[in-house]
Amino acid sequence: AKNGIVTLMGTVDAYFKKIEAESAAKNVDGVKAVVEE
């Protein structure tokens, strides 16, 4: 995290997990943008 921009990294074994991780990050107070890697 830097200046409200959150970057998610790593490897998952299903596409829906990628979506759920992004959704969880967006719902956190203070997050202005999500970079999904």
PDB file of all heavy atoms in Angstrom:
ATOM      1  N   ALA A   1       0.837  -1.196   0.000  1.00  0.00           N
ATOM      2  CA  ALA A   1       0.000   0.000   0.000  1.00  0.00           C
ATOM      3  C   ALA A   1       0.871   1.244   0.000  1.00  0.00           C
ATOM      4  O   ALA A   1       1.875   1.312   0.716  1.00  0.00           O
ATOM      5  CB  ALA A   1      -0.922   0.002   1.222  1.00  0.00           C
ATOM      6  N   LYS A   2       0.475   2.212  -0.826  1.00  0.00           N
ATOM      7  CA  LYS A   2       1.199   3.478  -0.876  1.00  0.00           C
ATOM      8  C   LYS A   2       0.240   4.586  -1.299  1.00  0.00           C
ATOM      9  O   LYS A   2      -0.340   4.534  -2.383  1.00  0.00           O
ATOM     10  CB  LYS A   2       2.381   3.407  -1.850  1.00  0.00           C
ATOM     11  CG  LYS A   2       3.256   4.662  -1.819  1.00  0.00           C
ATOM     12  CD  LYS A   2       4.494   4.497  -2.682  1.00  0.00           C
ATOM     13  CE  LYS A   2       5.392   5.727  -2.597  1.00  0.00           C
ATOM     14  NZ  LYS A   2       6.601   5.584  -3.441  1.00  0.00           N
ATOM     15  N   ASN A   3       0.063   5.555  -0.429  1.00  0.00           N
ATOM     16  CA  ASN A   3      -0.790   6.724  -0.708  1.00  0.00           C
ATOM     17  C   ASN A   3      -2.209   6.329  -1.134  1.00  0.00           C
ATOM     18  O   ASN A   3      -2.798   6.931  -2.032  1.00  0.00           O
ATOM     19  CB  ASN A   3      -0.155   7.604  -1.793  1.00  0.00           C
ATOM     20  CG  ASN A   3       1.202   8.139  -1.386  1.00  0.00           C
ATOM     21  OD1 ASN A   3       1.437   8.438  -0.210  1.00  0.00           O
ATOM     22  ND2 ASN A   3       2.102   8.253  -2.348  1.00  0.00           N
ATOM     23  N   GLY A   4      -2.749   5.310  -0.499  1.00  0.00           N
ATOM     24  CA  GLY A   4      -4.114   4.877  -0.786  1.00  0.00           C
ATOM     25  C   GLY A   4      -4.247   3.907  -1.938  1.00  0.00           C
ATOM     26  O   GLY A   4      -5.331   3.403  -2.201  1.00  0.00           O
ATOM     27  N   ILE A   5      -3.142   3.644  -2.641  1.00  0.00           N
ATOM     28  CA  ILE A   5      -3.164   2.690  -3.757  1.00  0.00           C
ATOM     29  C   ILE A   5      -2.673   1.334  -3.261  1.00  0.00           C
ATOM     30  O   ILE A   5      -1.551   1.210  -2.771  1.00  0.00           O
ATOM     31  CB  ILE A   5      -2.286   3.178  -4.923  1.00  0.00           C
ATOM     32  CG1 ILE A   5      -2.784   4.532  -5.433  1.00  0.00           C
ATOM     33  CG2 ILE A   5      -2.281   2.148  -6.052  1.00  0.00           C
ATOM     34  CD1 ILE A   5      -1.906   5.141  -6.505  1.00  0.00           C
ATOM     35  N   VAL A   6      -3.518   0.327  -3.390  1.00  0.00           N
ATOM     36  CA  VAL A   6      -3.203  -1.012  -2.917  1.00  0.00           C
ATOM     37  C   VAL A   6      -2.888  -1.913  -4.104  1.00  0.00           C
ATOM     38  O   VAL A   6      -3.629  -1.936  -5.095  1.00  0.00           O
ATOM     39  CB  VAL A   6      -4.382  -1.603  -2.118  1.00  0.00           C
ATOM     40  CG1 VAL A   6      -4.178  -3.085  -1.852  1.00  0.00           C
ATOM     41  CG2 VAL A   6      -4.557  -0.846  -0.809  1.00  0.00           C
ATOM     42  N   THR A   7      -1.783  -2.643  -4.007  1.00  0.00           N
ATOM     43  CA  THR A   7      -1.404  -3.592  -5.048  1.00  0.00           C
ATOM     44  C   THR A   7      -1.529  -5.004  -4.499  1.00  0.00           C
ATOM     45  O   THR A   7      -1.025  -5.310  -3.416  1.00  0.00           O
ATOM     46  CB  THR A   7       0.046  -3.351  -5.517  1.00  0.00           C
ATOM     47  OG1 THR A   7       0.167  -2.015  -6.032  1.00  0.00           O
ATOM     48  CG2 THR A   7       0.430  -4.331  -6.617  1.00  0.00           C
ATOM     49  N   LEU A   8      -2.231  -5.860  -5.236  1.00  0.00           N
ATOM     50  CA  LEU A   8      -2.402  -7.259  -4.871  1.00  0.00           C
ATOM     51  C   LEU A   8      -1.544  -8.120  -5.783  1.00  0.00           C
ATOM     52  O   LEU A   8      -1.596  -7.978  -7.010  1.00  0.00           O
ATOM     53  CB  LEU A   8      -3.877  -7.670  -5.000  1.00  0.00           C
ATOM     54  CG  LEU A   8      -4.900  -6.835  -4.230  1.00  0.00           C
ATOM     55  CD1 LEU A   8      -6.303  -7.350  -4.515  1.00  0.00           C
ATOM     56  CD2 LEU A   8      -4.601  -6.850  -2.744  1.00  0.00           C
ATOM     57  N   MET A   9      -0.758  -9.012  -5.198  1.00  0.00           N
ATOM     58  CA  MET A   9       0.149  -9.861  -5.973  1.00  0.00           C
ATOM     59  C   MET A   9       0.009 -11.308  -5.509  1.00  0.00           C
ATOM     60  O   MET A   9      -0.509 -11.569  -4.425  1.00  0.00           O
ATOM     61  CB  MET A   9       1.597  -9.406  -5.770  1.00  0.00           C
ATOM     62  CG  MET A   9       1.864  -7.948  -6.130  1.00  0.00           C
ATOM     63  SD  MET A   9       3.410  -7.354  -5.399  1.00  0.00           S
ATOM     64  CE  MET A   9       2.956  -7.281  -3.668  1.00  0.00           C
ATOM     65  N   GLY A  10       0.495 -12.219  -6.349  1.00  0.00           N
ATOM     66  CA  GLY A  10       0.497 -13.619  -5.955  1.00  0.00           C
ATOM     67  C   GLY A  10      -0.127 -14.514  -7.001  1.00  0.00           C
ATOM     68  O   GLY A  10      -0.389 -14.096  -8.134  1.00  0.00           O
ATOM     69  N   THR A  11      -0.393 -15.750  -6.604  1.00  0.00           N
ATOM     70  CA  THR A  11      -0.956 -16.754  -7.500  1.00  0.00           C
ATOM     71  C   THR A  11      -2.082 -17.488  -6.804  1.00  0.00           C
ATOM     72  O   THR A  11      -1.943 -17.899  -5.647  1.00  0.00           O
ATOM     73  CB  THR A  11       0.122 -17.772  -7.930  1.00  0.00           C
ATOM     74  OG1 THR A  11       1.212 -17.076  -8.553  1.00  0.00           O
ATOM     75  CG2 THR A  11      -0.442 -18.778  -8.913  1.00  0.00           C
ATOM     76  N   VAL A  12      -3.212 -17.637  -7.486  1.00  0.00           N
ATOM     77  CA  VAL A  12      -4.346 -18.389  -6.958  1.00  0.00           C
ATOM     78  C   VAL A  12      -4.718 -19.493  -7.938  1.00  0.00           C
ATOM     79  O   VAL A  12      -4.332 -19.457  -9.106  1.00  0.00           O
ATOM     80  CB  VAL A  12      -5.562 -17.472  -6.695  1.00  0.00           C
ATOM     81  CG1 VAL A  12      -5.262 -16.482  -5.582  1.00  0.00           C
ATOM     82  CG2 VAL A  12      -5.968 -16.732  -7.965  1.00  0.00           C
ATOM     83  N   ASP A  13      -5.491 -20.465  -7.451  1.00  0.00           N
ATOM     84  CA  ASP A  13      -5.817 -21.630  -8.288  1.00  0.00           C
ATOM     85  C   ASP A  13      -7.225 -21.581  -8.857  1.00  0.00           C
ATOM     86  O   ASP A  13      -7.749 -22.604  -9.315  1.00  0.00           O
ATOM     87  CB  ASP A  13      -5.602 -22.922  -7.498  1.00  0.00           C
ATOM     88  CG  ASP A  13      -6.472 -22.989  -6.244  1.00  0.00           C
ATOM     89  OD1 ASP A  13      -7.236 -22.035  -6.001  1.00  0.00           O
ATOM     90  OD2 ASP A  13      -6.371 -23.993  -5.520  1.00  0.00           O
ATOM     91  N   ALA A  14      -7.862 -20.382  -8.828  1.00  0.00           N
ATOM     92  CA  ALA A  14      -9.195 -20.235  -9.417  1.00  0.00           C
ATOM     93  C   ALA A  14      -9.448 -18.762  -9.694  1.00  0.00           C
ATOM     94  O   ALA A  14      -9.046 -17.897  -8.909  1.00  0.00           O
ATOM     95  CB  ALA A  14     -10.271 -20.796  -8.487  1.00  0.00           C
ATOM     96  N   TYR A  15     -10.123 -18.485 -10.793  1.00  0.00           N
ATOM     97  CA  TYR A  15     -10.377 -17.096 -11.187  1.00  0.00           C
ATOM     98  C   TYR A  15     -11.244 -16.357 -10.176  1.00  0.00           C
ATOM     99  O   TYR A  15     -11.018 -15.184  -9.885  1.00  0.00           O
ATOM    100  CB  TYR A  15     -11.042 -17.077 -12.570  1.00  0.00           C
ATOM    101  CG  TYR A  15     -11.495 -15.710 -13.020  1.00  0.00           C
ATOM    102  CD1 TYR A  15     -10.578 -14.689 -13.225  1.00  0.00           C
ATOM    103  CD2 TYR A  15     -12.845 -15.440 -13.217  1.00  0.00           C
ATOM    104  CE1 TYR A  15     -10.987 -13.424 -13.633  1.00  0.00           C
ATOM    105  CE2 TYR A  15     -13.267 -14.186 -13.630  1.00  0.00           C
ATOM    106  CZ  TYR A  15     -12.337 -13.187 -13.830  1.00  0.00           C
ATOM    107  OH  TYR A  15     -12.743 -11.931 -14.215  1.00  0.00           O
ATOM    108  N   PHE A  16     -12.241 -17.053  -9.597  1.00  0.00           N
ATOM    109  CA  PHE A  16     -13.137 -16.370  -8.656  1.00  0.00           C
ATOM    110  C   PHE A  16     -12.381 -15.868  -7.423  1.00  0.00           C
ATOM    111  O   PHE A  16     -12.794 -14.899  -6.795  1.00  0.00           O
ATOM    112  CB  PHE A  16     -14.294 -17.285  -8.251  1.00  0.00           C
ATOM    113  CG  PHE A  16     -13.923 -18.387  -7.299  1.00  0.00           C
ATOM    114  CD1 PHE A  16     -13.917 -18.162  -5.931  1.00  0.00           C
ATOM    115  CD2 PHE A  16     -13.613 -19.652  -7.755  1.00  0.00           C
ATOM    116  CE1 PHE A  16     -13.589 -19.174  -5.041  1.00  0.00           C
ATOM    117  CE2 PHE A  16     -13.288 -20.669  -6.876  1.00  0.00           C
ATOM    118  CZ  PHE A  16     -13.268 -20.432  -5.518  1.00  0.00           C
ATOM    119  N   LYS A  17     -11.280 -16.516  -7.067  1.00  0.00           N
ATOM    120  CA  LYS A  17     -10.482 -16.056  -5.928  1.00  0.00           C
ATOM    121  C   LYS A  17      -9.842 -14.704  -6.228  1.00  0.00           C
ATOM    122  O   LYS A  17      -9.715 -13.852  -5.350  1.00  0.00           O
ATOM    123  CB  LYS A  17      -9.410 -17.085  -5.581  1.00  0.00           C
ATOM    124  CG  LYS A  17      -9.947 -18.381  -5.007  1.00  0.00           C
ATOM    125  CD  LYS A  17      -8.814 -19.304  -4.583  1.00  0.00           C
ATOM    126  CE  LYS A  17      -9.351 -20.573  -3.931  1.00  0.00           C
ATOM    127  NZ  LYS A  17      -8.260 -21.458  -3.482  1.00  0.00           N
ATOM    128  N   LYS A  18      -9.444 -14.525  -7.467  1.00  0.00           N
ATOM    129  CA  LYS A  18      -8.889 -13.244  -7.902  1.00  0.00           C
ATOM    130  C   LYS A  18      -9.931 -12.135  -7.747  1.00  0.00           C
ATOM    131  O   LYS A  18      -9.633 -11.042  -7.250  1.00  0.00           O
ATOM    132  CB  LYS A  18      -8.446 -13.376  -9.373  1.00  0.00           C
ATOM    133  CG  LYS A  18      -7.806 -12.176 -10.000  1.00  0.00           C
ATOM    134  CD  LYS A  18      -7.334 -12.541 -11.409  1.00  0.00           C
ATOM    135  CE  LYS A  18      -6.649 -11.366 -12.078  1.00  0.00           C
ATOM    136  NZ  LYS A  18      -6.104 -11.719 -13.401  1.00  0.00           N
ATOM    137  N   ILE A  19     -11.161 -12.421  -8.138  1.00  0.00           N
ATOM    138  CA  ILE A  19     -12.247 -11.448  -8.029  1.00  0.00           C
ATOM    139  C   ILE A  19     -12.541 -11.131  -6.565  1.00  0.00           C
ATOM    140  O   ILE A  19     -12.716  -9.971  -6.181  1.00  0.00           O
ATOM    141  CB  ILE A  19     -13.518 -11.988  -8.721  1.00  0.00           C
ATOM    142  CG1 ILE A  19     -13.280 -12.173 -10.214  1.00  0.00           C
ATOM    143  CG2 ILE A  19     -14.691 -11.047  -8.492  1.00  0.00           C
ATOM    144  CD1 ILE A  19     -14.449 -12.813 -10.934  1.00  0.00           C
ATOM    145  N   GLU A  20     -12.592 -12.164  -5.725  1.00  0.00           N
ATOM    146  CA  GLU A  20     -12.924 -11.960  -4.319  1.00  0.00           C
ATOM    147  C   GLU A  20     -11.839 -11.176  -3.589  1.00  0.00           C
ATOM    148  O   GLU A  20     -12.139 -10.379  -2.696  1.00  0.00           O
ATOM    149  CB  GLU A  20     -13.163 -13.311  -3.641  1.00  0.00           C
ATOM    150  CG  GLU A  20     -14.441 -13.991  -4.117  1.00  0.00           C
ATOM    151  CD  GLU A  20     -14.786 -15.221  -3.295  1.00  0.00           C
ATOM    152  OE1 GLU A  20     -14.015 -15.549  -2.367  1.00  0.00           O
ATOM    153  OE2 GLU A  20     -15.817 -15.838  -3.578  1.00  0.00           O
ATOM    154  N   ALA A  21     -10.584 -11.393  -3.953  1.00  0.00           N
ATOM    155  CA  ALA A  21      -9.500 -10.634  -3.334  1.00  0.00           C
ATOM    156  C   ALA A  21      -9.604  -9.156  -3.683  1.00  0.00           C
ATOM    157  O   ALA A  21      -9.429  -8.280  -2.826  1.00  0.00           O
ATOM    158  CB  ALA A  21      -8.149 -11.193  -3.788  1.00  0.00           C
ATOM    159  N   GLU A  22      -9.897  -8.875  -4.937  1.00  0.00           N
ATOM    160  CA  GLU A  22     -10.056  -7.485  -5.379  1.00  0.00           C
ATOM    161  C   GLU A  22     -11.249  -6.829  -4.683  1.00  0.00           C
ATOM    162  O   GLU A  22     -11.165  -5.682  -4.235  1.00  0.00           O
ATOM    163  CB  GLU A  22     -10.248  -7.440  -6.891  1.00  0.00           C
ATOM    164  CG  GLU A  22     -10.371  -6.036  -7.457  1.00  0.00           C
ATOM    165  CD  GLU A  22     -10.522  -6.028  -8.966  1.00  0.00           C
ATOM    166  OE1 GLU A  22     -10.229  -7.059  -9.599  1.00  0.00           O
ATOM    167  OE2 GLU A  22     -10.941  -4.986  -9.509  1.00  0.00           O
ATOM    168  N   SER A  23     -12.355  -7.563  -4.572  1.00  0.00           N
ATOM    169  CA  SER A  23     -13.543  -7.029  -3.924  1.00  0.00           C
ATOM    170  C   SER A  23     -13.285  -6.754  -2.444  1.00  0.00           C
ATOM    171  O   SER A  23     -13.707  -5.718  -1.910  1.00  0.00           O
ATOM    172  CB  SER A  23     -14.703  -8.025  -4.072  1.00  0.00           C
ATOM    173  OG  SER A  23     -15.855  -7.557  -3.416  1.00  0.00           O
ATOM    174  N   ALA A  24     -12.566  -7.657  -1.783  1.00  0.00           N
ATOM    175  CA  ALA A  24     -12.254  -7.466  -0.367  1.00  0.00           C
ATOM    176  C   ALA A  24     -11.410  -6.217  -0.160  1.00  0.00           C
ATOM    177  O   ALA A  24     -11.630  -5.447   0.784  1.00  0.00           O
ATOM    178  CB  ALA A  24     -11.523  -8.700   0.175  1.00  0.00           C
ATOM    179  N   ALA A  25     -10.445  -5.999  -1.050  1.00  0.00           N
ATOM    180  CA  ALA A  25      -9.575  -4.820  -0.934  1.00  0.00           C
ATOM    181  C   ALA A  25     -10.366  -3.529  -1.160  1.00  0.00           C
ATOM    182  O   ALA A  25     -10.177  -2.541  -0.450  1.00  0.00           O
ATOM    183  CB  ALA A  25      -8.427  -4.920  -1.943  1.00  0.00           C
ATOM    184  N   LYS A  26     -11.262  -3.529  -2.130  1.00  0.00           N
ATOM    185  CA  LYS A  26     -12.053  -2.333  -2.436  1.00  0.00           C
ATOM    186  C   LYS A  26     -12.941  -1.909  -1.268  1.00  0.00           C
ATOM    187  O   LYS A  26     -13.242  -0.731  -1.105  1.00  0.00           O
ATOM    188  CB  LYS A  26     -12.924  -2.573  -3.679  1.00  0.00           C
ATOM    189  CG  LYS A  26     -12.179  -2.520  -4.991  1.00  0.00           C
ATOM    190  CD  LYS A  26     -13.146  -2.677  -6.153  1.00  0.00           C
ATOM    191  CE  LYS A  26     -12.449  -2.501  -7.487  1.00  0.00           C
ATOM    192  NZ  LYS A  26     -13.396  -2.617  -8.625  1.00  0.00           N
ATOM    193  N   ASN A  27     -13.360  -2.875  -0.469  1.00  0.00           N
ATOM    194  CA  ASN A  27     -14.274  -2.584   0.630  1.00  0.00           C
ATOM    195  C   ASN A  27     -13.578  -2.044   1.878  1.00  0.00           C
ATOM    196  O   ASN A  27     -14.246  -1.695   2.851  1.00  0.00           O
ATOM    197  CB  ASN A  27     -15.069  -3.842   0.999  1.00  0.00           C
ATOM    198  CG  ASN A  27     -16.112  -4.185  -0.047  1.00  0.00           C
ATOM    199  OD1 ASN A  27     -16.538  -3.333  -0.821  1.00  0.00           O
ATOM    200  ND2 ASN A  27     -16.522  -5.437  -0.091  1.00  0.00           N
ATOM    201  N   VAL A  28     -12.256  -1.984   1.847  1.00  0.00           N
ATOM    202  CA  VAL A  28     -11.516  -1.490   3.009  1.00  0.00           C
ATOM    203  C   VAL A  28     -11.465   0.033   2.989  1.00  0.00           C
ATOM    204  O   VAL A  28     -11.104   0.637   1.969  1.00  0.00           O
ATOM    205  CB  VAL A  28     -10.083  -2.068   3.022  1.00  0.00           C
ATOM    206  CG1 VAL A  28      -9.253  -1.427   4.137  1.00  0.00           C
ATOM    207  CG2 VAL A  28     -10.128  -3.577   3.203  1.00  0.00           C
ATOM    208  N   ASP A  29     -11.828   0.638   4.094  1.00  0.00           N
ATOM    209  CA  ASP A  29     -11.790   2.093   4.204  1.00  0.00           C
ATOM    210  C   ASP A  29     -10.359   2.595   4.047  1.00  0.00           C
ATOM    211  O   ASP A  29      -9.437   2.061   4.662  1.00  0.00           O
ATOM    212  CB  ASP A  29     -12.339   2.521   5.569  1.00  0.00           C
ATOM    213  CG  ASP A  29     -12.397   4.030   5.704  1.00  0.00           C
ATOM    214  OD1 ASP A  29     -12.905   4.680   4.779  1.00  0.00           O
ATOM    215  OD2 ASP A  29     -11.920   4.558   6.734  1.00  0.00           O
ATOM    216  N   GLY A  30     -10.179   3.590   3.211  1.00  0.00           N
ATOM    217  CA  GLY A  30      -8.864   4.153   2.970  1.00  0.00           C
ATOM    218  C   GLY A  30      -8.265   3.778   1.631  1.00  0.00           C
ATOM    219  O   GLY A  30      -7.301   4.392   1.175  1.00  0.00           O
ATOM    220  N   VAL A  31      -8.853   2.776   0.965  1.00  0.00           N
ATOM    221  CA  VAL A  31      -8.358   2.345  -0.348  1.00  0.00           C
ATOM    222  C   VAL A  31      -8.917   3.255  -1.432  1.00  0.00           C
ATOM    223  O   VAL A  31     -10.124   3.375  -1.586  1.00  0.00           O
ATOM    224  CB  VAL A  31      -8.746   0.875  -0.628  1.00  0.00           C
ATOM    225  CG1 VAL A  31      -8.336   0.481  -2.048  1.00  0.00           C
ATOM    226  CG2 VAL A  31      -8.110  -0.049   0.391  1.00  0.00           C
ATOM    227  N   LYS A  32      -8.038   3.904  -2.172  1.00  0.00           N
ATOM    228  CA  LYS A  32      -8.456   4.795  -3.259  1.00  0.00           C
ATOM    229  C   LYS A  32      -8.424   4.095  -4.618  1.00  0.00           C
ATOM    230  O   LYS A  32      -9.167   4.456  -5.526  1.00  0.00           O
ATOM    231  CB  LYS A  32      -7.549   6.023  -3.306  1.00  0.00           C
ATOM    232  CG  LYS A  32      -7.661   6.932  -2.095  1.00  0.00           C
ATOM    233  CD  LYS A  32      -6.783   8.152  -2.266  1.00  0.00           C
ATOM    234  CE  LYS A  32      -6.910   9.097  -1.083  1.00  0.00           C
ATOM    235  NZ  LYS A  32      -6.065  10.318  -1.256  1.00  0.00           N
ATOM    236  N   ALA A  33      -7.535   3.127  -4.764  1.00  0.00           N
ATOM    237  CA  ALA A  33      -7.408   2.405  -6.035  1.00  0.00           C
ATOM    238  C   ALA A  33      -6.770   1.047  -5.763  1.00  0.00           C
ATOM    239  O   ALA A  33      -6.019   0.885  -4.794  1.00  0.00           O
ATOM    240  CB  ALA A  33      -6.566   3.202  -7.035  1.00  0.00           C
ATOM    241  N   VAL A  34      -7.080   0.087  -6.620  1.00  0.00           N
ATOM    242  CA  VAL A  34      -6.527  -1.260  -6.497  1.00  0.00           C
ATOM    243  C   VAL A  34      -5.801  -1.627  -7.778  1.00  0.00           C
ATOM    244  O   VAL A  34      -6.371  -1.536  -8.874  1.00  0.00           O
ATOM    245  CB  VAL A  34      -7.626  -2.305  -6.205  1.00  0.00           C
ATOM    246  CG1 VAL A  34      -7.029  -3.715  -6.209  1.00  0.00           C
ATOM    247  CG2 VAL A  34      -8.296  -2.019  -4.875  1.00  0.00           C
ATOM    248  N   VAL A  35      -4.528  -1.999  -7.647  1.00  0.00           N
ATOM    249  CA  VAL A  35      -3.743  -2.524  -8.767  1.00  0.00           C
ATOM    250  C   VAL A  35      -3.689  -4.033  -8.587  1.00  0.00           C
ATOM    251  O   VAL A  35      -3.180  -4.526  -7.582  1.00  0.00           O
ATOM    252  CB  VAL A  35      -2.314  -1.929  -8.787  1.00  0.00           C
ATOM    253  CG1 VAL A  35      -1.515  -2.535  -9.936  1.00  0.00           C
ATOM    254  CG2 VAL A  35      -2.375  -0.414  -8.899  1.00  0.00           C
ATOM    255  N   GLU A  36      -4.216  -4.754  -9.542  1.00  0.00           N
ATOM    256  CA  GLU A  36      -4.374  -6.200  -9.384  1.00  0.00           C
ATOM    257  C   GLU A  36      -3.366  -6.934 -10.263  1.00  0.00           C
ATOM    258  O   GLU A  36      -3.407  -6.838 -11.492  1.00  0.00           O
ATOM    259  CB  GLU A  36      -5.818  -6.561  -9.726  1.00  0.00           C
ATOM    260  CG  GLU A  36      -6.239  -7.942  -9.301  1.00  0.00           C
ATOM    261  CD  GLU A  36      -6.009  -8.889 -10.427  1.00  0.00           C
ATOM    262  OE1 GLU A  36      -6.767  -8.839 -11.388  1.00  0.00           O
ATOM    263  OE2 GLU A  36      -5.040  -9.666 -10.348  1.00  0.00           O
ATOM    264  N   GLU A  37      -2.430  -7.638  -9.618  1.00  0.00           N
ATOM    265  CA  GLU A  37      -1.379  -8.376 -10.330  1.00  0.00           C
ATOM    266  C   GLU A  37      -1.398  -9.851  -9.944  1.00  0.00           C
ATOM    267  O   GLU A  37      -0.358 -10.503  -9.863  1.00  0.00           O
ATOM    268  CB  GLU A  37      -0.011  -7.760 -10.027  1.00  0.00           C
ATOM    269  CG  GLU A  37       0.125  -6.310 -10.501  1.00  0.00           C
ATOM    270  CD  GLU A  37       1.477  -5.694 -10.165  1.00  0.00           C
ATOM    271  OE1 GLU A  37       2.261  -6.349  -9.440  1.00  0.00           O
ATOM    272  OE2 GLU A  37       1.743  -4.572 -10.629  1.00  0.00           O
TER     273      GLU A  37
END
